N, C-alpha and C. Protein backbone atom coordinates (compact mmCIF):
# COMPACT_ATOMS: atom_id res chain seq x y z
N MET A 1 -43.13 52.24 29.42
CA MET A 1 -43.20 53.18 30.54
C MET A 1 -41.91 53.95 30.65
N SER A 2 -41.98 55.23 30.82
CA SER A 2 -40.78 56.05 30.87
C SER A 2 -40.00 55.80 32.15
N SER A 3 -38.70 56.07 32.07
CA SER A 3 -37.84 55.86 33.23
C SER A 3 -38.25 56.74 34.40
N SER A 4 -38.83 57.91 34.11
CA SER A 4 -39.21 58.84 35.17
C SER A 4 -40.34 58.29 36.03
N LEU A 5 -41.09 57.32 35.47
CA LEU A 5 -42.19 56.73 36.22
C LEU A 5 -41.80 55.43 36.90
N LYS A 6 -40.56 55.02 36.69
CA LYS A 6 -40.12 53.73 37.20
C LYS A 6 -40.37 53.56 38.69
N SER A 7 -40.08 54.62 39.48
CA SER A 7 -40.17 54.49 40.93
C SER A 7 -41.58 54.22 41.40
N SER A 8 -42.59 54.61 40.62
CA SER A 8 -43.96 54.38 41.03
C SER A 8 -44.60 53.20 40.30
N SER A 9 -43.81 52.47 39.53
CA SER A 9 -44.35 51.35 38.78
C SER A 9 -44.66 50.19 39.72
N PRO A 10 -45.62 49.34 39.35
CA PRO A 10 -46.00 48.23 40.21
C PRO A 10 -44.92 47.15 40.35
N TYR A 11 -43.92 47.18 39.49
CA TYR A 11 -42.87 46.15 39.53
C TYR A 11 -41.55 46.70 40.08
N SER A 12 -41.51 47.98 40.45
CA SER A 12 -40.24 48.62 40.81
C SER A 12 -39.55 47.93 41.99
N LYS A 13 -40.30 47.41 42.93
CA LYS A 13 -39.65 46.79 44.09
C LYS A 13 -38.95 45.49 43.73
N TYR A 14 -39.31 44.92 42.57
CA TYR A 14 -38.65 43.68 42.13
C TYR A 14 -37.48 43.97 41.18
N GLU A 15 -37.42 45.18 40.68
CA GLU A 15 -36.38 45.53 39.70
C GLU A 15 -35.13 45.99 40.44
N ILE A 16 -34.36 45.03 40.95
CA ILE A 16 -33.17 45.34 41.74
C ILE A 16 -31.89 45.12 40.93
N ARG A 17 -32.03 44.67 39.69
CA ARG A 17 -30.87 44.42 38.83
C ARG A 17 -30.93 45.34 37.62
N ASN A 18 -29.80 45.90 37.26
CA ASN A 18 -29.74 46.77 36.09
C ASN A 18 -28.54 46.42 35.24
N ARG A 19 -28.74 46.44 33.96
CA ARG A 19 -27.65 46.13 33.03
C ARG A 19 -28.02 46.69 31.66
N ASN A 20 -27.03 47.02 30.86
CA ASN A 20 -27.27 47.47 29.51
C ASN A 20 -26.97 46.35 28.52
N PRO A 21 -27.72 46.27 27.44
CA PRO A 21 -27.43 45.25 26.43
C PRO A 21 -26.12 45.53 25.71
N ASN A 22 -25.47 44.46 25.28
CA ASN A 22 -24.24 44.56 24.51
C ASN A 22 -24.58 44.41 23.03
N PRO A 23 -24.49 45.48 22.26
CA PRO A 23 -24.90 45.40 20.85
C PRO A 23 -24.11 44.38 20.03
N LYS A 24 -22.93 44.01 20.50
CA LYS A 24 -22.10 43.06 19.75
C LYS A 24 -22.57 41.62 19.92
N SER A 25 -23.42 41.37 20.92
CA SER A 25 -23.85 39.98 21.16
C SER A 25 -25.36 39.88 21.40
N CYS A 26 -26.10 40.89 20.91
CA CYS A 26 -27.53 40.99 21.20
C CYS A 26 -28.37 40.83 19.93
N ALA A 27 -29.60 40.36 20.09
CA ALA A 27 -30.58 40.33 19.01
C ALA A 27 -31.91 40.83 19.54
N LEU A 28 -32.66 41.50 18.69
CA LEU A 28 -33.99 41.97 19.04
C LEU A 28 -35.02 40.97 18.54
N LEU A 29 -35.88 40.50 19.42
CA LEU A 29 -36.98 39.60 19.06
C LEU A 29 -38.28 40.39 19.06
N VAL A 30 -38.95 40.44 17.93
CA VAL A 30 -40.23 41.13 17.81
C VAL A 30 -41.30 40.04 17.68
N ILE A 31 -42.06 39.88 18.75
CA ILE A 31 -42.95 38.73 18.86
C ILE A 31 -44.36 39.03 18.34
N ASP A 32 -44.77 38.32 17.30
CA ASP A 32 -46.18 38.19 16.86
C ASP A 32 -46.92 39.51 16.62
N MET A 33 -46.26 40.48 16.02
CA MET A 33 -46.95 41.74 15.70
C MET A 33 -47.76 41.56 14.42
N GLN A 34 -48.86 40.84 14.55
CA GLN A 34 -49.69 40.43 13.42
C GLN A 34 -51.05 41.11 13.46
N ASN A 35 -51.72 41.11 12.33
CA ASN A 35 -53.04 41.73 12.23
C ASN A 35 -54.03 41.17 13.24
N TYR A 36 -53.91 39.91 13.55
CA TYR A 36 -54.81 39.27 14.52
C TYR A 36 -54.78 40.00 15.87
N PHE A 37 -53.62 40.50 16.22
CA PHE A 37 -53.42 41.14 17.52
C PHE A 37 -53.41 42.67 17.41
N SER A 38 -53.93 43.22 16.32
CA SER A 38 -53.76 44.65 16.05
C SER A 38 -54.36 45.55 17.12
N SER A 39 -55.44 45.12 17.76
CA SER A 39 -56.08 45.98 18.76
C SER A 39 -55.15 46.29 19.93
N MET A 40 -54.33 45.32 20.31
CA MET A 40 -53.39 45.55 21.41
C MET A 40 -52.01 45.96 20.90
N ALA A 41 -51.70 45.62 19.65
CA ALA A 41 -50.38 45.90 19.10
C ALA A 41 -50.25 47.33 18.58
N THR A 42 -51.33 47.87 18.04
CA THR A 42 -51.26 49.21 17.45
C THR A 42 -50.78 50.29 18.42
N PRO A 43 -51.26 50.31 19.67
CA PRO A 43 -50.82 51.37 20.59
C PRO A 43 -49.32 51.37 20.88
N ILE A 44 -48.66 50.22 20.76
CA ILE A 44 -47.22 50.20 21.07
C ILE A 44 -46.35 50.33 19.82
N LEU A 45 -46.97 50.45 18.65
CA LEU A 45 -46.18 50.53 17.41
C LEU A 45 -45.14 51.65 17.42
N PRO A 46 -45.47 52.87 17.89
CA PRO A 46 -44.44 53.92 17.91
C PRO A 46 -43.22 53.54 18.76
N PHE A 47 -43.47 52.93 19.92
CA PHE A 47 -42.37 52.50 20.78
C PHE A 47 -41.60 51.34 20.16
N LEU A 48 -42.32 50.41 19.57
CA LEU A 48 -41.67 49.26 18.96
C LEU A 48 -40.83 49.67 17.76
N ASN A 49 -41.39 50.50 16.89
CA ASN A 49 -40.62 50.93 15.73
C ASN A 49 -39.40 51.76 16.12
N THR A 50 -39.53 52.53 17.20
CA THR A 50 -38.36 53.24 17.72
C THR A 50 -37.31 52.27 18.21
N THR A 51 -37.74 51.23 18.92
CA THR A 51 -36.83 50.20 19.40
C THR A 51 -36.12 49.52 18.24
N ILE A 52 -36.89 49.18 17.20
CA ILE A 52 -36.31 48.54 16.02
C ILE A 52 -35.28 49.46 15.37
N SER A 53 -35.62 50.73 15.23
CA SER A 53 -34.72 51.70 14.61
C SER A 53 -33.42 51.84 15.40
N LEU A 54 -33.54 51.93 16.72
CA LEU A 54 -32.36 52.04 17.57
C LEU A 54 -31.46 50.82 17.42
N CYS A 55 -32.08 49.65 17.36
CA CYS A 55 -31.30 48.42 17.22
C CYS A 55 -30.60 48.36 15.87
N ARG A 56 -31.30 48.76 14.82
CA ARG A 56 -30.68 48.76 13.50
C ARG A 56 -29.45 49.69 13.48
N ARG A 57 -29.60 50.86 14.08
CA ARG A 57 -28.49 51.83 14.10
C ARG A 57 -27.29 51.28 14.87
N ALA A 58 -27.54 50.39 15.81
CA ALA A 58 -26.46 49.78 16.59
C ALA A 58 -26.03 48.43 16.01
N SER A 59 -26.53 48.11 14.81
CA SER A 59 -26.20 46.84 14.12
C SER A 59 -26.64 45.62 14.91
N ILE A 60 -27.71 45.76 15.68
CA ILE A 60 -28.31 44.63 16.38
C ILE A 60 -29.31 43.97 15.44
N PRO A 61 -29.17 42.67 15.16
CA PRO A 61 -30.10 42.01 14.25
C PRO A 61 -31.52 41.99 14.80
N VAL A 62 -32.48 42.14 13.88
CA VAL A 62 -33.90 42.16 14.24
C VAL A 62 -34.56 40.90 13.70
N ILE A 63 -35.20 40.16 14.59
CA ILE A 63 -35.86 38.90 14.23
C ILE A 63 -37.33 38.98 14.59
N PHE A 64 -38.19 38.74 13.62
CA PHE A 64 -39.63 38.75 13.84
C PHE A 64 -40.13 37.32 14.00
N THR A 65 -41.18 37.16 14.80
CA THR A 65 -41.87 35.87 14.83
C THR A 65 -43.28 36.05 14.29
N ARG A 66 -43.80 34.97 13.73
CA ARG A 66 -45.16 34.98 13.20
C ARG A 66 -45.85 33.70 13.66
N HIS A 67 -46.89 33.87 14.48
CA HIS A 67 -47.63 32.72 14.98
C HIS A 67 -48.67 32.31 13.94
N ARG A 68 -48.72 31.02 13.63
CA ARG A 68 -49.71 30.54 12.67
C ARG A 68 -49.93 29.05 12.85
N HIS A 69 -51.13 28.61 12.49
CA HIS A 69 -51.47 27.19 12.51
C HIS A 69 -51.86 26.75 11.11
N LYS A 70 -51.35 25.58 10.72
CA LYS A 70 -51.59 25.08 9.38
C LYS A 70 -52.61 23.94 9.33
N SER A 71 -52.71 23.19 10.41
CA SER A 71 -53.65 22.07 10.45
C SER A 71 -53.88 21.67 11.90
N PRO A 72 -54.93 20.88 12.17
CA PRO A 72 -55.19 20.44 13.56
C PRO A 72 -54.01 19.73 14.20
N SER A 73 -53.11 19.19 13.40
CA SER A 73 -51.96 18.47 13.96
C SER A 73 -51.02 19.39 14.73
N ASP A 74 -51.11 20.71 14.49
CA ASP A 74 -50.22 21.62 15.22
C ASP A 74 -50.97 22.50 16.22
N TYR A 75 -52.24 22.20 16.47
CA TYR A 75 -53.00 22.99 17.45
C TYR A 75 -52.51 22.73 18.87
N ALA A 76 -52.17 21.47 19.17
CA ALA A 76 -51.79 21.07 20.54
C ALA A 76 -52.84 21.57 21.53
N MET A 77 -52.41 22.09 22.67
CA MET A 77 -53.36 22.55 23.69
C MET A 77 -54.03 23.87 23.34
N LEU A 78 -53.44 24.62 22.40
CA LEU A 78 -53.99 25.94 22.09
C LEU A 78 -55.40 25.85 21.51
N GLY A 79 -55.67 24.82 20.72
CA GLY A 79 -56.99 24.65 20.14
C GLY A 79 -58.06 24.50 21.20
N GLU A 80 -57.76 23.69 22.20
CA GLU A 80 -58.69 23.47 23.30
C GLU A 80 -58.82 24.72 24.17
N TRP A 81 -57.67 25.31 24.49
CA TRP A 81 -57.66 26.43 25.44
C TRP A 81 -58.40 27.65 24.91
N TRP A 82 -58.25 27.92 23.59
CA TRP A 82 -58.85 29.10 23.00
C TRP A 82 -60.09 28.76 22.16
N PHE A 83 -60.67 27.60 22.44
CA PHE A 83 -61.92 27.19 21.81
C PHE A 83 -61.87 27.29 20.27
N GLY A 84 -60.71 26.96 19.72
CA GLY A 84 -60.56 26.96 18.27
C GLY A 84 -60.31 28.32 17.64
N ASP A 85 -60.28 29.37 18.46
CA ASP A 85 -60.03 30.72 17.93
C ASP A 85 -58.53 30.93 17.80
N LEU A 86 -57.96 30.47 16.68
CA LEU A 86 -56.52 30.49 16.49
C LEU A 86 -56.14 31.36 15.29
N VAL A 87 -54.85 31.55 15.11
CA VAL A 87 -54.34 32.33 13.98
C VAL A 87 -54.01 31.34 12.86
N PHE A 88 -54.78 31.38 11.80
CA PHE A 88 -54.62 30.38 10.74
C PHE A 88 -53.77 30.92 9.60
N ASP A 89 -52.80 30.10 9.19
CA ASP A 89 -51.90 30.47 8.11
C ASP A 89 -52.69 30.74 6.82
N GLY A 90 -52.24 31.72 6.05
CA GLY A 90 -52.90 32.02 4.79
C GLY A 90 -54.02 33.03 4.89
N THR A 91 -54.31 33.49 6.11
CA THR A 91 -55.36 34.49 6.32
C THR A 91 -54.72 35.86 6.55
N PRO A 92 -55.45 36.95 6.28
CA PRO A 92 -54.89 38.29 6.54
C PRO A 92 -54.48 38.48 7.99
N GLU A 93 -55.23 37.84 8.90
CA GLU A 93 -54.93 37.99 10.32
C GLU A 93 -53.56 37.44 10.69
N ALA A 94 -53.07 36.49 9.93
CA ALA A 94 -51.79 35.85 10.24
C ALA A 94 -50.59 36.66 9.77
N GLU A 95 -50.83 37.68 8.94
CA GLU A 95 -49.73 38.46 8.37
C GLU A 95 -49.20 39.50 9.36
N LEU A 96 -47.92 39.80 9.25
CA LEU A 96 -47.33 40.85 10.07
C LEU A 96 -47.91 42.20 9.67
N MET A 97 -48.07 43.08 10.64
CA MET A 97 -48.68 44.38 10.40
C MET A 97 -47.83 45.20 9.43
N GLU A 98 -48.49 45.86 8.50
CA GLU A 98 -47.78 46.64 7.49
C GLU A 98 -47.02 47.83 8.09
N ALA A 99 -47.50 48.34 9.20
CA ALA A 99 -46.88 49.53 9.80
C ALA A 99 -45.58 49.21 10.53
N LEU A 100 -45.22 47.94 10.61
CA LEU A 100 -43.98 47.57 11.26
C LEU A 100 -42.78 48.04 10.45
N ASP A 101 -41.74 48.46 11.13
CA ASP A 101 -40.48 48.81 10.48
C ASP A 101 -39.73 47.51 10.19
N ARG A 102 -40.05 46.90 9.06
CA ARG A 102 -39.48 45.60 8.72
C ARG A 102 -38.69 45.69 7.42
N GLY A 103 -37.48 45.16 7.44
CA GLY A 103 -36.64 45.16 6.26
C GLY A 103 -36.75 43.86 5.49
N GLU A 104 -36.39 43.90 4.22
CA GLU A 104 -36.49 42.72 3.37
C GLU A 104 -35.62 41.57 3.85
N ASP A 105 -34.52 41.89 4.49
CA ASP A 105 -33.58 40.86 4.93
C ASP A 105 -33.81 40.40 6.36
N ASP A 106 -34.80 40.96 7.04
CA ASP A 106 -35.07 40.55 8.43
C ASP A 106 -35.59 39.12 8.47
N MET A 107 -35.09 38.37 9.41
CA MET A 107 -35.53 36.99 9.58
C MET A 107 -36.93 36.95 10.18
N VAL A 108 -37.76 36.04 9.68
CA VAL A 108 -39.08 35.80 10.24
C VAL A 108 -39.15 34.34 10.67
N VAL A 109 -39.36 34.12 11.96
CA VAL A 109 -39.46 32.78 12.52
C VAL A 109 -40.94 32.43 12.68
N GLU A 110 -41.35 31.34 12.07
CA GLU A 110 -42.75 30.90 12.18
C GLU A 110 -42.88 29.92 13.34
N LYS A 111 -43.96 30.08 14.10
CA LYS A 111 -44.15 29.25 15.28
C LYS A 111 -45.62 28.88 15.45
N ASP A 112 -45.88 27.84 16.24
CA ASP A 112 -47.25 27.42 16.49
C ASP A 112 -47.52 27.17 17.97
N SER A 113 -46.67 27.78 18.82
CA SER A 113 -46.89 27.69 20.27
C SER A 113 -46.53 29.03 20.88
N TYR A 114 -46.71 29.16 22.18
CA TYR A 114 -46.35 30.40 22.86
C TYR A 114 -44.86 30.71 22.74
N SER A 115 -44.06 29.68 22.60
CA SER A 115 -42.61 29.83 22.59
C SER A 115 -42.06 30.06 21.19
N ALA A 116 -41.14 31.03 21.08
CA ALA A 116 -40.46 31.24 19.80
C ALA A 116 -39.32 30.24 19.61
N PHE A 117 -39.07 29.41 20.63
CA PHE A 117 -37.99 28.44 20.55
C PHE A 117 -38.46 27.03 20.20
N ARG A 118 -39.69 26.70 20.50
CA ARG A 118 -40.15 25.32 20.34
C ARG A 118 -40.28 24.94 18.85
N ASN A 119 -39.44 24.01 18.43
CA ASN A 119 -39.48 23.46 17.07
C ASN A 119 -39.35 24.54 15.98
N THR A 120 -38.55 25.57 16.25
CA THR A 120 -38.39 26.66 15.27
C THR A 120 -36.96 26.81 14.76
N GLY A 121 -36.01 26.24 15.47
CA GLY A 121 -34.61 26.42 15.09
C GLY A 121 -34.03 27.75 15.52
N LEU A 122 -34.79 28.53 16.30
CA LEU A 122 -34.33 29.86 16.70
C LEU A 122 -33.08 29.78 17.56
N GLU A 123 -33.06 28.87 18.51
CA GLU A 123 -31.89 28.78 19.39
C GLU A 123 -30.62 28.51 18.59
N GLU A 124 -30.71 27.56 17.66
CA GLU A 124 -29.55 27.22 16.85
C GLU A 124 -29.09 28.40 16.01
N LYS A 125 -30.05 29.14 15.48
CA LYS A 125 -29.71 30.30 14.66
C LYS A 125 -29.03 31.38 15.50
N LEU A 126 -29.54 31.62 16.70
CA LEU A 126 -28.93 32.62 17.57
C LEU A 126 -27.50 32.24 17.94
N VAL A 127 -27.29 30.98 18.25
CA VAL A 127 -25.94 30.52 18.59
C VAL A 127 -25.02 30.69 17.39
N GLU A 128 -25.52 30.33 16.22
CA GLU A 128 -24.74 30.48 14.99
C GLU A 128 -24.34 31.93 14.74
N MET A 129 -25.23 32.86 15.12
CA MET A 129 -24.98 34.29 14.93
C MET A 129 -24.10 34.87 16.03
N GLY A 130 -23.78 34.08 17.05
CA GLY A 130 -22.99 34.58 18.16
C GLY A 130 -23.78 35.39 19.15
N VAL A 131 -25.08 35.23 19.15
CA VAL A 131 -25.96 35.98 20.05
C VAL A 131 -25.94 35.37 21.45
N GLU A 132 -25.77 36.23 22.45
CA GLU A 132 -25.78 35.81 23.85
C GLU A 132 -26.89 36.49 24.63
N GLU A 133 -27.49 37.54 24.04
CA GLU A 133 -28.53 38.31 24.71
C GLU A 133 -29.70 38.54 23.76
N VAL A 134 -30.89 38.60 24.30
CA VAL A 134 -32.06 38.93 23.48
C VAL A 134 -32.87 40.03 24.16
N ILE A 135 -33.42 40.90 23.33
CA ILE A 135 -34.38 41.90 23.79
C ILE A 135 -35.75 41.44 23.32
N VAL A 136 -36.68 41.28 24.24
CA VAL A 136 -38.01 40.76 23.91
C VAL A 136 -39.00 41.92 23.82
N THR A 137 -39.70 41.98 22.68
CA THR A 137 -40.74 42.99 22.45
C THR A 137 -41.93 42.31 21.78
N GLY A 138 -43.04 43.03 21.66
CA GLY A 138 -44.19 42.52 20.90
C GLY A 138 -45.38 42.16 21.77
N VAL A 139 -46.15 41.19 21.29
CA VAL A 139 -47.38 40.75 21.97
C VAL A 139 -47.45 39.21 21.98
N MET A 140 -48.18 38.64 22.88
CA MET A 140 -48.81 39.23 24.05
C MET A 140 -47.83 39.13 25.22
N THR A 141 -47.77 40.18 26.01
CA THR A 141 -46.82 40.25 27.12
C THR A 141 -46.81 38.98 27.95
N ASN A 142 -47.99 38.53 28.36
CA ASN A 142 -48.11 37.44 29.34
C ASN A 142 -48.14 36.06 28.72
N LEU A 143 -48.18 35.97 27.40
CA LEU A 143 -48.22 34.65 26.76
C LEU A 143 -46.93 34.41 25.96
N CYS A 144 -46.90 34.84 24.71
CA CYS A 144 -45.75 34.54 23.86
C CYS A 144 -44.49 35.29 24.27
N CYS A 145 -44.63 36.54 24.69
CA CYS A 145 -43.44 37.29 25.13
C CYS A 145 -42.86 36.69 26.40
N GLU A 146 -43.72 36.43 27.36
CA GLU A 146 -43.23 35.87 28.63
C GLU A 146 -42.65 34.47 28.44
N THR A 147 -43.34 33.62 27.68
CA THR A 147 -42.86 32.27 27.47
C THR A 147 -41.52 32.27 26.75
N THR A 148 -41.40 33.11 25.74
CA THR A 148 -40.14 33.21 25.00
C THR A 148 -39.03 33.73 25.88
N ALA A 149 -39.31 34.72 26.71
CA ALA A 149 -38.30 35.26 27.62
C ALA A 149 -37.84 34.21 28.62
N ARG A 150 -38.78 33.48 29.19
CA ARG A 150 -38.42 32.43 30.15
C ARG A 150 -37.57 31.35 29.49
N GLU A 151 -37.97 30.96 28.29
CA GLU A 151 -37.22 29.90 27.61
C GLU A 151 -35.83 30.39 27.18
N ALA A 152 -35.72 31.64 26.80
CA ALA A 152 -34.40 32.19 26.49
C ALA A 152 -33.51 32.14 27.72
N PHE A 153 -34.06 32.52 28.85
CA PHE A 153 -33.30 32.53 30.10
C PHE A 153 -32.79 31.14 30.45
N VAL A 154 -33.66 30.13 30.41
CA VAL A 154 -33.23 28.78 30.79
C VAL A 154 -32.30 28.16 29.76
N ARG A 155 -32.26 28.72 28.55
CA ARG A 155 -31.31 28.25 27.54
C ARG A 155 -29.97 28.99 27.62
N GLY A 156 -29.86 29.88 28.58
CA GLY A 156 -28.58 30.54 28.81
C GLY A 156 -28.40 31.88 28.15
N PHE A 157 -29.47 32.44 27.58
CA PHE A 157 -29.39 33.77 26.99
C PHE A 157 -29.71 34.81 28.06
N ARG A 158 -28.99 35.92 28.05
CA ARG A 158 -29.33 37.04 28.92
C ARG A 158 -30.55 37.73 28.31
N VAL A 159 -31.55 38.01 29.13
CA VAL A 159 -32.82 38.51 28.61
C VAL A 159 -33.04 39.96 29.05
N PHE A 160 -33.40 40.79 28.07
CA PHE A 160 -33.88 42.15 28.32
C PHE A 160 -35.33 42.20 27.85
N PHE A 161 -36.18 42.78 28.65
CA PHE A 161 -37.62 42.80 28.37
C PHE A 161 -38.08 44.25 28.28
N SER A 162 -38.71 44.59 27.17
CA SER A 162 -39.16 45.97 26.98
C SER A 162 -40.44 46.24 27.77
N THR A 163 -40.46 47.36 28.46
CA THR A 163 -41.65 47.73 29.22
C THR A 163 -42.61 48.60 28.42
N ASP A 164 -42.12 49.22 27.35
CA ASP A 164 -43.01 50.09 26.56
C ASP A 164 -43.29 49.56 25.15
N ALA A 165 -42.59 48.49 24.74
CA ALA A 165 -42.83 47.90 23.41
C ALA A 165 -43.35 46.48 23.53
N THR A 166 -44.08 46.23 24.62
CA THR A 166 -44.83 44.98 24.78
C THR A 166 -46.25 45.35 25.21
N ALA A 167 -47.19 44.47 24.90
CA ALA A 167 -48.59 44.75 25.25
C ALA A 167 -49.38 43.45 25.30
N THR A 168 -50.51 43.53 26.00
CA THR A 168 -51.43 42.40 26.03
C THR A 168 -52.85 42.95 26.17
N SER A 169 -53.79 42.05 26.43
CA SER A 169 -55.20 42.43 26.42
C SER A 169 -55.67 43.13 27.69
N ASP A 170 -54.84 43.08 28.74
CA ASP A 170 -55.29 43.55 30.05
C ASP A 170 -54.10 44.11 30.82
N ARG A 171 -54.27 45.28 31.42
CA ARG A 171 -53.17 45.92 32.14
C ARG A 171 -52.67 45.07 33.31
N ASP A 172 -53.60 44.42 34.02
CA ASP A 172 -53.19 43.59 35.15
C ASP A 172 -52.30 42.44 34.71
N LEU A 173 -52.64 41.82 33.58
CA LEU A 173 -51.82 40.72 33.06
C LEU A 173 -50.45 41.22 32.63
N HIS A 174 -50.41 42.38 32.00
CA HIS A 174 -49.14 42.99 31.59
C HIS A 174 -48.25 43.23 32.79
N GLU A 175 -48.82 43.82 33.84
CA GLU A 175 -48.03 44.15 35.02
C GLU A 175 -47.61 42.89 35.79
N ALA A 176 -48.45 41.87 35.77
CA ALA A 176 -48.08 40.61 36.44
C ALA A 176 -46.85 40.00 35.78
N THR A 177 -46.82 40.04 34.46
CA THR A 177 -45.65 39.52 33.76
C THR A 177 -44.41 40.34 34.09
N LEU A 178 -44.54 41.67 34.10
CA LEU A 178 -43.38 42.51 34.42
C LEU A 178 -42.84 42.20 35.81
N LYS A 179 -43.72 41.93 36.76
CA LYS A 179 -43.27 41.55 38.10
C LYS A 179 -42.48 40.24 38.04
N ASN A 180 -43.02 39.26 37.32
CA ASN A 180 -42.34 37.97 37.19
C ASN A 180 -40.99 38.11 36.49
N MET A 181 -40.97 38.90 35.43
CA MET A 181 -39.73 39.09 34.68
C MET A 181 -38.66 39.75 35.55
N ALA A 182 -39.05 40.81 36.27
CA ALA A 182 -38.09 41.53 37.11
C ALA A 182 -37.57 40.64 38.24
N TYR A 183 -38.44 39.81 38.76
CA TYR A 183 -38.07 38.98 39.91
C TYR A 183 -37.10 37.86 39.51
N GLY A 184 -37.33 37.25 38.35
CA GLY A 184 -36.55 36.04 38.08
C GLY A 184 -35.94 35.85 36.72
N PHE A 185 -36.18 36.76 35.76
CA PHE A 185 -35.77 36.40 34.41
C PHE A 185 -35.10 37.49 33.58
N ALA A 186 -35.45 38.74 33.74
CA ALA A 186 -35.04 39.72 32.74
C ALA A 186 -34.68 41.08 33.31
N TYR A 187 -33.77 41.74 32.62
CA TYR A 187 -33.48 43.15 32.86
C TYR A 187 -34.49 43.96 32.04
N PHE A 188 -34.87 45.11 32.55
CA PHE A 188 -35.86 45.94 31.86
C PHE A 188 -35.19 47.07 31.07
N LEU A 189 -35.86 47.42 29.99
CA LEU A 189 -35.48 48.62 29.25
C LEU A 189 -36.71 49.18 28.55
N ASP A 190 -36.62 50.43 28.14
CA ASP A 190 -37.62 51.06 27.29
C ASP A 190 -36.85 51.84 26.23
N CYS A 191 -37.57 52.55 25.38
CA CYS A 191 -36.90 53.27 24.29
C CYS A 191 -35.84 54.24 24.80
N HIS A 192 -36.19 54.97 25.86
CA HIS A 192 -35.27 55.96 26.40
C HIS A 192 -34.00 55.31 26.94
N LYS A 193 -34.17 54.26 27.73
CA LYS A 193 -33.01 53.58 28.32
C LYS A 193 -32.18 52.90 27.23
N LEU A 194 -32.85 52.33 26.23
CA LEU A 194 -32.12 51.67 25.15
C LEU A 194 -31.26 52.68 24.39
N LYS A 195 -31.84 53.84 24.10
CA LYS A 195 -31.09 54.87 23.39
C LYS A 195 -29.87 55.31 24.20
N GLN A 196 -30.08 55.51 25.50
CA GLN A 196 -28.96 55.91 26.36
C GLN A 196 -27.89 54.83 26.42
N SER A 197 -28.31 53.58 26.55
CA SER A 197 -27.35 52.49 26.70
C SER A 197 -26.52 52.27 25.45
N LEU A 198 -27.12 52.58 24.29
CA LEU A 198 -26.42 52.39 23.03
C LEU A 198 -25.65 53.64 22.63
N SER A 199 -25.78 54.71 23.44
CA SER A 199 -25.08 55.98 23.19
C SER A 199 -25.36 56.53 21.81
N LEU A 200 -26.65 56.51 21.44
CA LEU A 200 -27.06 57.01 20.13
C LEU A 200 -27.65 58.40 20.27
N ASN A 201 -27.34 59.28 19.35
CA ASN A 201 -27.86 60.65 19.38
C ASN A 201 -29.02 60.81 18.40
């Protein structure tokens, strides 16, 4: 959502904190932009790829996550909750979308829960890299993006949440997450604000 529409946004009354990311201590997290989620992910690709490009120009590392299940032993509650309709490793649906602006050296974190931190080593890697802030983008806003943002916050990372490079299956769910994020967990940004904050031309 553009900054010009911020005042009329459903979450604006909760967005009382403003801050710019520090490129020297920030990482971009691109959550689950996979073929399985293409119907909701495709519309935000222009915004997401712009976000990725801006971060690369500012030397902010870009980290992708890929949700996949390898066997019933890693289904946990997701198998029950989604009636077995999961993202299975080795299938085309589990692969990252080809249209993503992804480099050969970009890290890909594999996960089997809503959280990009649970049993993935992501936290340790971020600390090793000197990262203190994360920008959360991708899908689904209200599931993996929100869970990852919340977990980053409670682990002591400053969280920035993209309003135009995140998406989910339903507008109401998307906006509910933005309200929660603004109220208790994250600073907001979009492509325009990110470009301004990084002073890129």
